[in-house]
């Protein structure tokens, strides 16, 4: 019988790429999600019956245990960028991470992969990183041989980074940003999935891996490169941190008062996070230790950002026809 992997959050941005890779490797894939009926698309990642979504709430022991039962490997891709309702950083990044690791150990799972983030540190000055750091400690306490992945900003067709700014550029002549000089090392989502696959299949040694792409650039330069790809000229305006905190305070308040119906476009925690570079620590284990050559942005971004060009998919035809005589 083929081996079984349970992927918590397997329908999310990173999780779906991990699911596809594990299915191609011949594994049966159990995708643990809160709403399986809304994520039936994951079934198309493999042969009939190979990939199945199952109901799971990572805040509940019984639910997590049922999803882990019988699995040979577990991958935890659950994560949030904004706290809404019961899905707080502490509940999702800290408590749920420890719960999954503890139950995976109880169920005799051979390999555990935990997706964290660069900057994870219980002593950080913003809660996202603190909760990620606490989660890593909980994972290692319960499952010492776990593989922990710390990616930088992740890009890919479904990302909420380049897609978000490109959508803004389509509507506005100005791109307001916070932390324009903050350095980032964007990493392609399928490269992160490749690292997770190696961890789940036992090809990666236990420990922490920091994952960043081949380019390190400031947020301002990343947006300049994006604007070039989508063929739009926009003014990039850096918003001072004090002003960003002011706006974020009101955004957070509106979100709380609406019960999460209005989602804050910028939180105070995100403003604090943008004060810190998101790059691989010198000397840290990364893609090199895994034998993976990460994809450069220029090889991937045009493949999905083309739809934000003035002429969309026909931009290349328009450009090639400019020199023709009528």
C-alpha atoms as a PDB file:
ATOM      1  CA  UNK A   1       0.000   0.000   0.000  1.00  0.00           C
ATOM      2  CA  UNK A   2       1.286   3.491  -0.848  1.00  0.00           C
ATOM      3  CA  UNK A   3       2.364   5.767   1.950  1.00  0.00           C
ATOM      4  CA  UNK A   4       0.076   8.417   3.415  1.00  0.00           C
ATOM      5  CA  UNK A   5       0.833  12.056   4.199  1.00  0.00           C
ATOM      6  CA  UNK A   6      -1.453  14.404   6.089  1.00  0.00           C
ATOM      7  CA  UNK A   7      -1.094  18.052   5.148  1.00  0.00           C
ATOM      8  CA  UNK A   8      -2.693  20.472   7.597  1.00  0.00           C
ATOM      9  CA  UNK A   9      -3.708  23.537   5.623  1.00  0.00           C
ATOM     10  CA  UNK A  10      -3.143  21.585   2.411  1.00  0.00           C
ATOM     11  CA  UNK A  11      -5.546  23.726   0.380  1.00  0.00           C
ATOM     12  CA  UNK A  12      -3.717  26.971   1.179  1.00  0.00           C
ATOM     13  CA  UNK A  13      -1.094  28.782  -0.840  1.00  0.00           C
ATOM     14  CA  UNK A  14       1.888  26.617   0.160  1.00  0.00           C
ATOM     15  CA  UNK A  15      -0.088  23.510   1.092  1.00  0.00           C
ATOM     16  CA  UNK A  16      -1.567  22.933  -2.344  1.00  0.00           C
ATOM     17  CA  UNK A  17       1.907  22.842  -3.915  1.00  0.00           C
ATOM     18  CA  UNK A  18       3.077  20.363  -1.291  1.00  0.00           C
ATOM     19  CA  UNK A  19      -0.024  18.244  -1.989  1.00  0.00           C
ATOM     20  CA  UNK A  20       0.704  18.200  -5.720  1.00  0.00           C
ATOM     21  CA  UNK A  21       4.313  17.195  -5.184  1.00  0.00           C
ATOM     22  CA  UNK A  22       3.445  14.405  -2.755  1.00  0.00           C
ATOM     23  CA  UNK A  23       0.787  13.081  -5.134  1.00  0.00           C
ATOM     24  CA  UNK A  24       3.242  13.050  -8.045  1.00  0.00           C
ATOM     25  CA  UNK A  25       5.654  11.114  -5.825  1.00  0.00           C
ATOM     26  CA  UNK A  26       3.011   8.409  -5.455  1.00  0.00           C
ATOM     27  CA  UNK A  27       1.804   9.168  -1.936  1.00  0.00           C
ATOM     28  CA  UNK A  28      -1.790   9.147  -0.791  1.00  0.00           C
ATOM     29  CA  UNK A  29      -2.556  12.674   0.378  1.00  0.00           C
ATOM     30  CA  UNK A  30      -4.953  13.657   3.152  1.00  0.00           C
ATOM     31  CA  UNK A  31      -5.656  17.384   3.051  1.00  0.00           C
ATOM     32  CA  UNK A  32      -6.842  18.528   6.495  1.00  0.00           C
ATOM     33  CA  UNK A  33      -8.952  21.698   6.209  1.00  0.00           C
ATOM     34  CA  UNK A  34     -11.791  23.422   8.046  1.00  0.00           C
ATOM     35  CA  UNK A  35     -14.183  23.321   5.070  1.00  0.00           C
ATOM     36  CA  UNK A  36     -13.530  20.233   2.922  1.00  0.00           C
ATOM     37  CA  UNK A  37     -16.609  20.846   0.746  1.00  0.00           C
ATOM     38  CA  UNK A  38     -15.123  24.167  -0.356  1.00  0.00           C
ATOM     39  CA  UNK A  39     -11.779  22.589  -1.212  1.00  0.00           C
ATOM     40  CA  UNK A  40     -12.737  19.679  -3.424  1.00  0.00           C
ATOM     41  CA  UNK A  41     -10.377  21.038  -6.087  1.00  0.00           C
ATOM     42  CA  UNK A  42      -7.474  19.306  -4.306  1.00  0.00           C
ATOM     43  CA  UNK A  43      -8.800  15.986  -5.628  1.00  0.00           C
ATOM     44  CA  UNK A  44      -7.556  16.955  -9.076  1.00  0.00           C
ATOM     45  CA  UNK A  45      -3.951  16.894  -7.841  1.00  0.00           C
ATOM     46  CA  UNK A  46      -3.756  13.102  -8.161  1.00  0.00           C
ATOM     47  CA  UNK A  47      -5.476  10.017  -9.478  1.00  0.00           C
ATOM     48  CA  UNK A  48      -9.040   9.213  -8.427  1.00  0.00           C
ATOM     49  CA  UNK A  49      -9.101   8.801  -4.659  1.00  0.00           C
ATOM     50  CA  UNK A  50      -5.425   9.663  -4.201  1.00  0.00           C
ATOM     51  CA  UNK A  51      -5.966  13.146  -2.730  1.00  0.00           C
ATOM     52  CA  UNK A  52      -8.852  13.671  -0.312  1.00  0.00           C
ATOM     53  CA  UNK A  53      -9.866  16.719   1.758  1.00  0.00           C
ATOM     54  CA  UNK A  54     -10.934  15.898   5.328  1.00  0.00           C
ATOM     55  CA  UNK A  55     -12.509  17.989   8.049  1.00  0.00           C
ATOM     56  CA  UNK A  56     -10.078  19.318  10.647  1.00  0.00           C
ATOM     57  CA  UNK A  57      -9.898  22.197  13.100  1.00  0.00           C
ATOM     58  CA  UNK A  58      -6.300  22.604  14.264  1.00  0.00           C
ATOM     59  CA  UNK A  59      -7.546  24.135  17.510  1.00  0.00           C
ATOM     60  CA  UNK A  60      -9.118  20.794  18.516  1.00  0.00           C
ATOM     61  CA  UNK A  61      -7.164  17.732  19.699  1.00  0.00           C
ATOM     62  CA  UNK A  62      -9.658  15.109  18.522  1.00  0.00           C
ATOM     63  CA  UNK A  63      -9.918  16.686  15.089  1.00  0.00           C
ATOM     64  CA  UNK A  64      -6.135  16.857  14.647  1.00  0.00           C
ATOM     65  CA  UNK A  65      -5.696  13.269  15.855  1.00  0.00           C
ATOM     66  CA  UNK A  66      -8.279  11.888  13.456  1.00  0.00           C
ATOM     67  CA  UNK A  67      -6.537  13.576  10.536  1.00  0.00           C
ATOM     68  CA  UNK A  68      -3.117  12.257  11.616  1.00  0.00           C
ATOM     69  CA  UNK A  69      -4.220   8.665  12.249  1.00  0.00           C
ATOM     70  CA  UNK A  70      -2.388   6.199  10.010  1.00  0.00           C
ATOM     71  CA  UNK A  71      -0.156   8.835   8.397  1.00  0.00           C
ATOM     72  CA  UNK A  72       3.496   8.118   7.616  1.00  0.00           C
ATOM     73  CA  UNK A  73       4.315  11.825   7.377  1.00  0.00           C
ATOM     74  CA  UNK A  74       2.721  15.091   8.477  1.00  0.00           C
ATOM     75  CA  UNK A  75       3.227  18.574   7.017  1.00  0.00           C
ATOM     76  CA  UNK A  76       1.900  21.628   8.865  1.00  0.00           C
ATOM     77  CA  UNK A  77       1.261  24.513   6.471  1.00  0.00           C
ATOM     78  CA  UNK A  78      -1.316  26.317   8.631  1.00  0.00           C
ATOM     79  CA  UNK A  79      -0.603  30.004   9.132  1.00  0.00           C
ATOM     80  CA  UNK A  80      -2.309  33.397   9.227  1.00  0.00           C
ATOM     81  CA  UNK A  81      -1.226  36.967   8.547  1.00  0.00           C
ATOM     82  CA  UNK A  82      -4.064  38.654  10.400  1.00  0.00           C
ATOM     83  CA  UNK A  83      -5.854  37.711  13.618  1.00  0.00           C
ATOM     84  CA  UNK A  84      -9.611  37.312  13.161  1.00  0.00           C
ATOM     85  CA  UNK A  85     -11.892  35.904  15.848  1.00  0.00           C
ATOM     86  CA  UNK A  86     -10.544  32.737  17.450  1.00  0.00           C
ATOM     87  CA  UNK A  87      -7.820  32.418  14.844  1.00  0.00           C
ATOM     88  CA  UNK A  88      -5.192  34.336  16.764  1.00  0.00           C
ATOM     89  CA  UNK A  89      -1.432  34.064  16.280  1.00  0.00           C
ATOM     90  CA  UNK A  90      -1.153  32.285  19.626  1.00  0.00           C
ATOM     91  CA  UNK A  91      -3.871  29.767  18.762  1.00  0.00           C
ATOM     92  CA  UNK A  92      -2.674  28.999  15.225  1.00  0.00           C
ATOM     93  CA  UNK A  93       1.100  29.467  15.182  1.00  0.00           C
ATOM     94  CA  UNK A  94       1.838  28.432  18.761  1.00  0.00           C
ATOM     95  CA  UNK A  95      -0.781  26.134  20.274  1.00  0.00           C
ATOM     96  CA  UNK A  96      -1.873  24.412  17.053  1.00  0.00           C
ATOM     97  CA  UNK A  97       1.723  23.823  15.964  1.00  0.00           C
ATOM     98  CA  UNK A  98       2.526  22.163  19.280  1.00  0.00           C
ATOM     99  CA  UNK A  99      -0.713  20.158  19.138  1.00  0.00           C
ATOM    100  CA  UNK A 100       0.039  18.798  15.666  1.00  0.00           C
ATOM    101  CA  UNK A 101       3.599  17.845  16.651  1.00  0.00           C
ATOM    102  CA  UNK A 102       2.502  16.182  19.908  1.00  0.00           C
ATOM    103  CA  UNK A 103      -0.233  14.165  18.232  1.00  0.00           C
ATOM    104  CA  UNK A 104       2.027  13.224  15.316  1.00  0.00           C
ATOM    105  CA  UNK A 105       4.506  11.799  17.829  1.00  0.00           C
ATOM    106  CA  UNK A 106       1.708   9.973  19.692  1.00  0.00           C
ATOM    107  CA  UNK A 107       0.474   8.429  16.438  1.00  0.00           C
ATOM    108  CA  UNK A 108       3.931   7.185  15.475  1.00  0.00           C
ATOM    109  CA  UNK A 109       4.349   9.452  12.457  1.00  0.00           C
ATOM    110  CA  UNK A 110       7.821   8.989  10.972  1.00  0.00           C
ATOM    111  CA  UNK A 111       8.421  12.493   9.575  1.00  0.00           C
ATOM    112  CA  UNK A 112       7.097  15.932  10.495  1.00  0.00           C
ATOM    113  CA  UNK A 113       7.581  19.132   8.496  1.00  0.00           C
ATOM    114  CA  UNK A 114       6.596  22.449  10.047  1.00  0.00           C
ATOM    115  CA  UNK A 115       6.381  25.594   7.897  1.00  0.00           C
ATOM    116  CA  UNK A 116       7.399  28.621   9.972  1.00  0.00           C
ATOM    117  CA  UNK A 117       8.870  31.956   8.789  1.00  0.00           C
ATOM    118  CA  UNK A 118      12.150  33.832   8.673  1.00  0.00           C
ATOM    119  CA  UNK A 119      12.449  35.953  11.805  1.00  0.00           C
ATOM    120  CA  UNK A 120      10.659  33.444  14.050  1.00  0.00           C
ATOM    121  CA  UNK A 121      11.782  34.317  17.576  1.00  0.00           C
ATOM    122  CA  UNK A 122       9.941  34.165  20.915  1.00  0.00           C
ATOM    123  CA  UNK A 123      11.709  37.414  21.846  1.00  0.00           C
ATOM    124  CA  UNK A 124      10.783  39.378  18.704  1.00  0.00           C
ATOM    125  CA  UNK A 125       9.084  42.752  18.997  1.00  0.00           C
ATOM    126  CA  UNK A 126       6.025  41.777  16.946  1.00  0.00           C
ATOM    127  CA  UNK A 127       3.538  39.017  17.702  1.00  0.00           C
ATOM    128  CA  UNK A 128       3.652  37.238  14.338  1.00  0.00           C
ATOM    129  CA  UNK A 129       7.337  36.383  14.804  1.00  0.00           C
ATOM    130  CA  UNK A 130       6.930  35.713  18.527  1.00  0.00           C
ATOM    131  CA  UNK A 131       4.133  33.230  17.915  1.00  0.00           C
ATOM    132  CA  UNK A 132       6.122  31.537  15.140  1.00  0.00           C
ATOM    133  CA  UNK A 133       9.088  31.245  17.505  1.00  0.00           C
ATOM    134  CA  UNK A 134       6.969  29.772  20.291  1.00  0.00           C
ATOM    135  CA  UNK A 135       5.469  27.349  17.789  1.00  0.00           C
ATOM    136  CA  UNK A 136       8.901  26.128  16.728  1.00  0.00           C
ATOM    137  CA  UNK A 137       9.844  25.495  20.352  1.00  0.00           C
ATOM    138  CA  UNK A 138       6.638  23.536  20.924  1.00  0.00           C
ATOM    139  CA  UNK A 139       7.232  21.483  17.773  1.00  0.00           C
ATOM    140  CA  UNK A 140      10.795  20.572  18.709  1.00  0.00           C
ATOM    141  CA  UNK A 141       9.803  19.748  22.297  1.00  0.00           C
ATOM    142  CA  UNK A 142       7.255  17.200  21.061  1.00  0.00           C
ATOM    143  CA  UNK A 143       8.997  16.035  17.880  1.00  0.00           C
ATOM    144  CA  UNK A 144      12.790  16.667  18.116  1.00  0.00           C
ATOM    145  CA  UNK A 145      13.472  15.250  14.646  1.00  0.00           C
ATOM    146  CA  UNK A 146      11.109  17.639  12.883  1.00  0.00           C
ATOM    147  CA  UNK A 147      12.143  19.579   9.789  1.00  0.00           C
ATOM    148  CA  UNK A 148      11.338  23.278  10.224  1.00  0.00           C
ATOM    149  CA  UNK A 149      11.204  25.530   7.170  1.00  0.00           C
ATOM    150  CA  UNK A 150      11.548  29.288   7.504  1.00  0.00           C
ATOM    151  CA  UNK A 151      10.705  30.915   4.166  1.00  0.00           C
ATOM    152  CA  UNK A 152      11.021  34.596   3.367  1.00  0.00           C
ATOM    153  CA  UNK A 153       8.218  36.322   1.441  1.00  0.00           C
ATOM    154  CA  UNK A 154       6.690  33.644  -0.807  1.00  0.00           C
ATOM    155  CA  UNK A 155       5.664  34.416  -4.375  1.00  0.00           C
ATOM    156  CA  UNK A 156       3.692  32.451  -6.932  1.00  0.00           C
ATOM    157  CA  UNK A 157       0.461  32.609  -8.963  1.00  0.00           C
ATOM    158  CA  UNK A 158      -1.765  32.722  -5.870  1.00  0.00           C
ATOM    159  CA  UNK A 159       0.410  34.986  -3.727  1.00  0.00           C
ATOM    160  CA  UNK A 160      -0.931  37.930  -1.739  1.00  0.00           C
ATOM    161  CA  UNK A 161       2.203  39.995  -2.241  1.00  0.00           C
ATOM    162  CA  UNK A 162       2.905  40.787  -5.894  1.00  0.00           C
ATOM    163  CA  UNK A 163      -0.736  40.189  -6.871  1.00  0.00           C
ATOM    164  CA  UNK A 164      -1.884  42.690  -4.282  1.00  0.00           C
ATOM    165  CA  UNK A 165       0.443  45.471  -5.386  1.00  0.00           C
ATOM    166  CA  UNK A 166      -0.146  44.739  -9.073  1.00  0.00           C
ATOM    167  CA  UNK A 167      -3.895  45.032  -8.538  1.00  0.00           C
ATOM    168  CA  UNK A 168      -3.337  48.374  -6.798  1.00  0.00           C
ATOM    169  CA  UNK A 169      -1.182  49.567  -9.693  1.00  0.00           C
ATOM    170  CA  UNK A 170      -3.975  48.786 -12.124  1.00  0.00           C
ATOM    171  CA  UNK A 171      -6.278  51.221 -10.309  1.00  0.00           C
ATOM    172  CA  UNK A 172      -4.055  53.881  -8.754  1.00  0.00           C
ATOM    173  CA  UNK A 173      -1.263  56.125 -10.057  1.00  0.00           C
ATOM    174  CA  UNK A 174       0.394  55.925  -6.629  1.00  0.00           C
ATOM    175  CA  UNK A 175       1.605  52.898  -4.671  1.00  0.00           C
ATOM    176  CA  UNK A 176       1.820  53.740  -0.951  1.00  0.00           C
ATOM    177  CA  UNK A 177       4.160  51.345   0.873  1.00  0.00           C
ATOM    178  CA  UNK A 178       5.479  50.906   4.390  1.00  0.00           C
ATOM    179  CA  UNK A 179       9.137  50.017   4.868  1.00  0.00           C
ATOM    180  CA  UNK A 180      10.250  50.746   1.311  1.00  0.00           C
ATOM    181  CA  UNK A 181      13.897  50.197   2.272  1.00  0.00           C
ATOM    182  CA  UNK A 182      13.270  46.920   4.122  1.00  0.00           C
ATOM    183  CA  UNK A 183      15.160  44.058   2.492  1.00  0.00           C
ATOM    184  CA  UNK A 184      13.397  40.899   1.344  1.00  0.00           C
ATOM    185  CA  UNK A 185      14.494  37.644  -0.272  1.00  0.00           C
ATOM    186  CA  UNK A 186      11.386  36.368  -2.088  1.00  0.00           C
ATOM    187  CA  UNK A 187      11.173  32.619  -2.591  1.00  0.00           C
ATOM    188  CA  UNK A 188       9.114  30.710  -5.163  1.00  0.00           C
ATOM    189  CA  UNK A 189       6.287  28.706  -3.599  1.00  0.00           C
ATOM    190  CA  UNK A 190       7.142  25.473  -5.436  1.00  0.00           C
ATOM    191  CA  UNK A 191      10.719  25.655  -4.152  1.00  0.00           C
ATOM    192  CA  UNK A 192       9.341  25.772  -0.600  1.00  0.00           C
ATOM    193  CA  UNK A 193       7.106  22.822  -1.493  1.00  0.00           C
ATOM    194  CA  UNK A 194      10.139  20.923  -2.804  1.00  0.00           C
ATOM    195  CA  UNK A 195      11.867  21.416   0.547  1.00  0.00           C
ATOM    196  CA  UNK A 196       8.736  20.238   2.369  1.00  0.00           C
ATOM    197  CA  UNK A 197       8.602  17.147   0.160  1.00  0.00           C
ATOM    198  CA  UNK A 198      12.188  16.297   1.056  1.00  0.00           C
ATOM    199  CA  UNK A 199      11.362  16.628   4.735  1.00  0.00           C
ATOM    200  CA  UNK A 200       8.218  14.511   4.462  1.00  0.00           C
ATOM    201  CA  UNK A 201       9.980  11.748   2.553  1.00  0.00           C
ATOM    202  CA  UNK A 202      12.964  11.661   4.915  1.00  0.00           C
ATOM    203  CA  UNK A 203      15.455  13.074   2.396  1.00  0.00           C
ATOM    204  CA  UNK A 204      16.160  16.159   4.533  1.00  0.00           C
ATOM    205  CA  UNK A 205      18.036  15.957   7.820  1.00  0.00           C
ATOM    206  CA  UNK A 206      16.104  17.172  10.881  1.00  0.00           C
ATOM    207  CA  UNK A 207      16.556  20.802  11.867  1.00  0.00           C
ATOM    208  CA  UNK A 208      15.826  24.358  10.769  1.00  0.00           C
ATOM    209  CA  UNK A 209      16.217  25.577   7.176  1.00  0.00           C
ATOM    210  CA  UNK A 210      15.938  29.230   6.151  1.00  0.00           C
ATOM    211  CA  UNK A 211      14.621  29.547   2.609  1.00  0.00           C
ATOM    212  CA  UNK A 212      15.197  32.562   0.400  1.00  0.00           C
ATOM    213  CA  UNK A 213      15.445  33.061  -3.333  1.00  0.00           C
ATOM    214  CA  UNK A 214      18.579  34.129  -5.230  1.00  0.00           C
ATOM    215  CA  UNK A 215      17.766  37.866  -5.064  1.00  0.00           C
ATOM    216  CA  UNK A 216      17.851  40.205  -2.068  1.00  0.00           C
ATOM    217  CA  UNK A 217      16.136  43.510  -2.791  1.00  0.00           C
ATOM    218  CA  UNK A 218      14.402  46.328  -0.978  1.00  0.00           C
ATOM    219  CA  UNK A 219      10.622  46.462  -1.088  1.00  0.00           C
ATOM    220  CA  UNK A 220      10.905  49.558  -3.277  1.00  0.00           C
ATOM    221  CA  UNK A 221      13.073  47.739  -5.834  1.00  0.00           C
ATOM    222  CA  UNK A 222      10.789  44.704  -5.806  1.00  0.00           C
ATOM    223  CA  UNK A 223       7.865  46.937  -6.718  1.00  0.00           C
ATOM    224  CA  UNK A 224       9.879  48.675  -9.418  1.00  0.00           C
ATOM    225  CA  UNK A 225      10.605  45.295 -10.954  1.00  0.00           C
ATOM    226  CA  UNK A 226       6.942  44.345 -10.725  1.00  0.00           C
ATOM    227  CA  UNK A 227       5.865  47.585 -12.420  1.00  0.00           C
ATOM    228  CA  UNK A 228       8.271  46.886 -15.260  1.00  0.00           C
ATOM    229  CA  UNK A 229       6.748  43.463 -15.774  1.00  0.00           C
ATOM    230  CA  UNK A 230       3.177  44.765 -15.831  1.00  0.00           C
ATOM    231  CA  UNK A 231       4.229  47.690 -18.052  1.00  0.00           C
ATOM    232  CA  UNK A 232       2.869  50.444 -15.835  1.00  0.00           C
ATOM    233  CA  UNK A 233       4.474  53.642 -14.548  1.00  0.00           C
ATOM    234  CA  UNK A 234       3.462  54.403 -10.984  1.00  0.00           C
ATOM    235  CA  UNK A 235       4.806  56.596  -8.193  1.00  0.00           C
ATOM    236  CA  UNK A 236       6.038  54.566  -5.203  1.00  0.00           C
ATOM    237  CA  UNK A 237       5.535  56.587  -2.023  1.00  0.00           C
ATOM    238  CA  UNK A 238       7.103  55.432   1.245  1.00  0.00           C
ATOM    239  CA  UNK A 239       4.793  55.978   4.220  1.00  0.00           C
ATOM    240  CA  UNK A 240       6.621  56.824   7.481  1.00  0.00           C
ATOM    241  CA  UNK A 241       6.237  54.192  10.168  1.00  0.00           C
ATOM    242  CA  UNK A 242       4.536  56.610  12.576  1.00  0.00           C
ATOM    243  CA  UNK A 243       1.882  57.420   9.987  1.00  0.00           C
ATOM    244  CA  UNK A 244       1.433  53.752   9.105  1.00  0.00           C
ATOM    245  CA  UNK A 245       0.874  52.956  12.797  1.00  0.00           C
ATOM    246  CA  UNK A 246      -1.803  55.664  12.939  1.00  0.00           C
ATOM    247  CA  UNK A 247      -3.741  54.255   9.985  1.00  0.00           C
ATOM    248  CA  UNK A 248      -3.226  50.668  11.138  1.00  0.00           C
ATOM    249  CA  UNK A 249      -4.725  51.517  14.528  1.00  0.00           C
ATOM    250  CA  UNK A 250      -7.986  52.576  12.894  1.00  0.00           C
ATOM    251  CA  UNK A 251      -7.950  49.639  10.483  1.00  0.00           C
ATOM    252  CA  UNK A 252      -7.565  47.256  13.438  1.00  0.00           C
ATOM    253  CA  UNK A 253     -10.374  49.018  15.297  1.00  0.00           C
ATOM    254  CA  UNK A 254     -12.743  48.734  12.327  1.00  0.00           C
ATOM    255  CA  UNK A 255     -11.954  45.051  12.034  1.00  0.00           C
ATOM    256  CA  UNK A 256     -12.724  44.433  15.719  1.00  0.00           C
ATOM    257  CA  UNK A 257     -15.936  46.464  15.665  1.00  0.00           C
ATOM    258  CA  UNK A 258     -17.138  44.641  12.551  1.00  0.00           C
ATOM    259  CA  UNK A 259     -16.419  41.239  14.062  1.00  0.00           C
ATOM    260  CA  UNK A 260     -13.986  40.484  11.258  1.00  0.00           C
ATOM    261  CA  UNK A 261     -16.399  41.357   8.438  1.00  0.00           C
ATOM    262  CA  UNK A 262     -14.081  44.239   7.515  1.00  0.00           C
ATOM    263  CA  UNK A 263     -10.564  42.835   7.224  1.00  0.00           C
ATOM    264  CA  UNK A 264      -7.775  45.263   8.050  1.00  0.00           C
ATOM    265  CA  UNK A 265      -5.597  45.921   4.975  1.00  0.00           C
ATOM    266  CA  UNK A 266      -2.692  46.808   7.269  1.00  0.00           C
ATOM    267  CA  UNK A 267      -2.339  45.857  10.933  1.00  0.00           C
ATOM    268  CA  UNK A 268      -0.120  47.384  13.583  1.00  0.00           C
ATOM    269  CA  UNK A 269       1.697  44.075  13.914  1.00  0.00           C
ATOM    270  CA  UNK A 270       2.446  44.089  10.188  1.00  0.00           C
ATOM    271  CA  UNK A 271       3.823  47.622  10.464  1.00  0.00           C
ATOM    272  CA  UNK A 272       6.185  46.466  13.216  1.00  0.00           C
ATOM    273  CA  UNK A 273       7.193  43.462  11.076  1.00  0.00           C
ATOM    274  CA  UNK A 274       8.075  45.717   8.144  1.00  0.00           C
ATOM    275  CA  UNK A 275      10.801  47.344  10.239  1.00  0.00           C
ATOM    276  CA  UNK A 276      12.771  44.091   9.962  1.00  0.00           C
ATOM    277  CA  UNK A 277      14.523  42.590   6.942  1.00  0.00           C
ATOM    278  CA  UNK A 278      13.249  39.212   5.768  1.00  0.00           C
ATOM    279  CA  UNK A 279      16.470  37.601   4.538  1.00  0.00           C
ATOM    280  CA  UNK A 280      18.329  34.380   5.213  1.00  0.00           C
ATOM    281  CA  UNK A 281      20.691  34.575   8.183  1.00  0.00           C
ATOM    282  CA  UNK A 282      24.356  34.266   7.118  1.00  0.00           C
ATOM    283  CA  UNK A 283      25.546  30.714   7.719  1.00  0.00           C
ATOM    284  CA  UNK A 284      22.051  29.280   8.137  1.00  0.00           C
ATOM    285  CA  UNK A 285      21.151  26.014   6.435  1.00  0.00           C
ATOM    286  CA  UNK A 286      19.026  26.608   3.373  1.00  0.00           C
ATOM    287  CA  UNK A 287      18.373  25.400  -0.134  1.00  0.00           C
ATOM    288  CA  UNK A 288      22.036  24.577  -0.630  1.00  0.00           C
ATOM    289  CA  UNK A 289      21.885  21.945   2.115  1.00  0.00           C
ATOM    290  CA  UNK A 290      18.905  20.401   0.343  1.00  0.00           C
ATOM    291  CA  UNK A 291      20.426  20.446  -3.136  1.00  0.00           C
ATOM    292  CA  UNK A 292      17.681  22.757  -4.444  1.00  0.00           C
ATOM    293  CA  UNK A 293      18.450  25.638  -6.813  1.00  0.00           C
ATOM    294  CA  UNK A 294      15.735  28.254  -6.110  1.00  0.00           C
ATOM    295  CA  UNK A 295      13.999  29.915  -9.048  1.00  0.00           C
ATOM    296  CA  UNK A 296      14.750  33.608  -9.738  1.00  0.00           C
ATOM    297  CA  UNK A 297      11.790  35.961  -9.800  1.00  0.00           C
ATOM    298  CA  UNK A 298      12.304  36.879 -13.452  1.00  0.00           C
ATOM    299  CA  UNK A 299      11.640  33.267 -14.446  1.00  0.00           C
ATOM    300  CA  UNK A 300       8.266  33.139 -12.700  1.00  0.00           C
ATOM    301  CA  UNK A 301       6.646  36.560 -12.228  1.00  0.00           C
ATOM    302  CA  UNK A 302       5.828  37.250 -15.912  1.00  0.00           C
ATOM    303  CA  UNK A 303       3.962  33.931 -16.065  1.00  0.00           C
ATOM    304  CA  UNK A 304       1.191  35.201 -13.786  1.00  0.00           C
ATOM    305  CA  UNK A 305       1.510  38.992 -13.572  1.00  0.00           C
ATOM    306  CA  UNK A 306       0.850  39.479 -17.284  1.00  0.00           C
ATOM    307  CA  UNK A 307      -2.883  39.900 -16.559  1.00  0.00           C
ATOM    308  CA  UNK A 308      -2.173  43.235 -14.877  1.00  0.00           C
ATOM    309  CA  UNK A 309      -0.691  44.745 -18.056  1.00  0.00           C
ATOM    310  CA  UNK A 310      -2.809  47.315 -19.930  1.00  0.00           C
ATOM    311  CA  UNK A 311      -3.329  44.782 -22.721  1.00  0.00           C
ATOM    312  CA  UNK A 312      -3.168  41.704 -20.542  1.00  0.00           C
ATOM    313  CA  UNK A 313      -2.193  38.555 -22.403  1.00  0.00           C
ATOM    314  CA  UNK A 314      -2.082  40.468 -25.687  1.00  0.00           C
ATOM    315  CA  UNK A 315       0.702  42.842 -24.605  1.00  0.00           C
ATOM    316  CA  UNK A 316       3.362  40.844 -26.464  1.00  0.00           C
ATOM    317  CA  UNK A 317       1.331  40.980 -29.695  1.00  0.00           C
ATOM    318  CA  UNK A 318       0.842  44.730 -29.307  1.00  0.00           C
ATOM    319  CA  UNK A 319       4.538  45.322 -28.692  1.00  0.00           C
ATOM    320  CA  UNK A 320       5.603  43.205 -31.659  1.00  0.00           C
ATOM    321  CA  UNK A 321       3.202  45.081 -33.934  1.00  0.00           C
ATOM    322  CA  UNK A 322       4.450  48.547 -33.047  1.00  0.00           C
ATOM    323  CA  UNK A 323       7.074  48.543 -35.760  1.00  0.00           C
ATOM    324  CA  UNK A 324       4.780  47.337 -38.502  1.00  0.00           C
ATOM    325  CA  UNK A 325       3.653  49.739 -41.177  1.00  0.00           C
ATOM    326  CA  UNK A 326      -0.036  50.100 -41.808  1.00  0.00           C
END
